């Protein structure tokens, strides 16, 4: 039985569920480590510009000013 709330009682995750979570974390770490940094930096920079424009218009429409 997996972890969760059964009959109002919290149950600890099973050993198999913990193994799956550990395996998933390891796979995700490999994926994360293989991401190239350039596109991530570009996306952060572009998001920052959009966020600044949104703040400047106090949440109004700003797409035309980009």
Protein backbone atom coordinates (compact mmCIF):
# COMPACT_ATOMS: atom_id res chain seq x y z
CA UNK A 1 0.00 0.00 0.00
CA UNK A 2 1.35 3.46 -0.87
CA UNK A 3 1.75 6.31 1.57
CA UNK A 4 -1.13 8.65 2.11
CA UNK A 5 -4.14 9.32 4.26
CA UNK A 6 -6.27 6.25 4.97
CA UNK A 7 -9.13 6.56 7.40
CA UNK A 8 -7.71 9.82 8.74
CA UNK A 9 -4.36 8.22 9.59
CA UNK A 10 -1.17 9.16 7.78
CA UNK A 11 0.76 6.19 6.49
CA UNK A 12 4.43 6.14 5.60
CA UNK A 13 5.29 5.40 1.96
CA UNK A 14 6.15 1.79 1.26
CA UNK A 15 9.73 0.74 0.59
CA UNK A 16 8.86 0.20 -3.09
CA UNK A 17 7.40 3.70 -3.33
CA UNK A 18 10.54 5.14 -1.73
CA UNK A 19 12.67 3.21 -4.24
CA UNK A 20 10.63 4.66 -7.13
CA UNK A 21 10.98 8.18 -5.75
CA UNK A 22 14.72 7.75 -5.39
CA UNK A 23 15.00 6.41 -8.94
CA UNK A 24 12.90 9.29 -10.30
CA UNK A 25 15.06 11.84 -8.46
CA UNK A 26 18.18 10.27 -9.97
CA UNK A 27 16.72 10.38 -13.50
CA UNK A 28 15.61 14.00 -13.07
CA UNK A 29 19.07 14.93 -11.78
CA UNK A 30 20.68 13.45 -14.92
CA UNK A 31 18.25 15.42 -17.11
CA UNK A 32 18.84 18.63 -15.15
CA UNK A 33 22.61 18.22 -15.29
CA UNK A 34 22.51 17.73 -19.08
CA UNK A 35 20.57 20.94 -19.81
CA UNK A 36 22.68 23.52 -21.61
CA UNK A 37 23.09 26.75 -19.62
CA UNK A 38 22.77 29.19 -22.57
CA UNK A 39 19.04 28.69 -23.27
CA UNK A 40 18.29 28.81 -19.53
CA UNK A 41 20.10 32.15 -19.19
CA UNK A 42 18.26 33.52 -22.25
CA UNK A 43 14.87 32.46 -20.89
CA UNK A 44 15.58 34.06 -17.50
CA UNK A 45 16.67 37.30 -19.17
CA UNK A 46 13.55 37.41 -21.37
CA UNK A 47 11.29 36.64 -18.42
CA UNK A 48 12.93 39.39 -16.39
CA UNK A 49 12.17 41.92 -19.17
CA UNK A 50 8.55 40.78 -19.33
CA UNK A 51 8.19 40.94 -15.55
CA UNK A 52 9.62 44.47 -15.46
CA UNK A 53 7.15 45.53 -18.18
CA UNK A 54 4.28 43.99 -16.24
CA UNK A 55 5.30 45.79 -13.05
CA UNK A 56 5.68 49.09 -14.95
CA UNK A 57 2.08 48.82 -16.23
CA UNK A 58 0.85 47.65 -12.83
CA UNK A 59 -0.34 44.35 -14.30
CA UNK A 60 -1.98 45.89 -17.37
CA UNK A 61 -1.44 44.97 -21.02
CA UNK A 62 2.13 45.47 -22.11
CA UNK A 63 2.76 43.15 -25.08
CA UNK A 64 2.75 46.06 -27.54
CA UNK A 65 5.50 47.84 -25.59
CA UNK A 66 7.93 44.91 -25.86
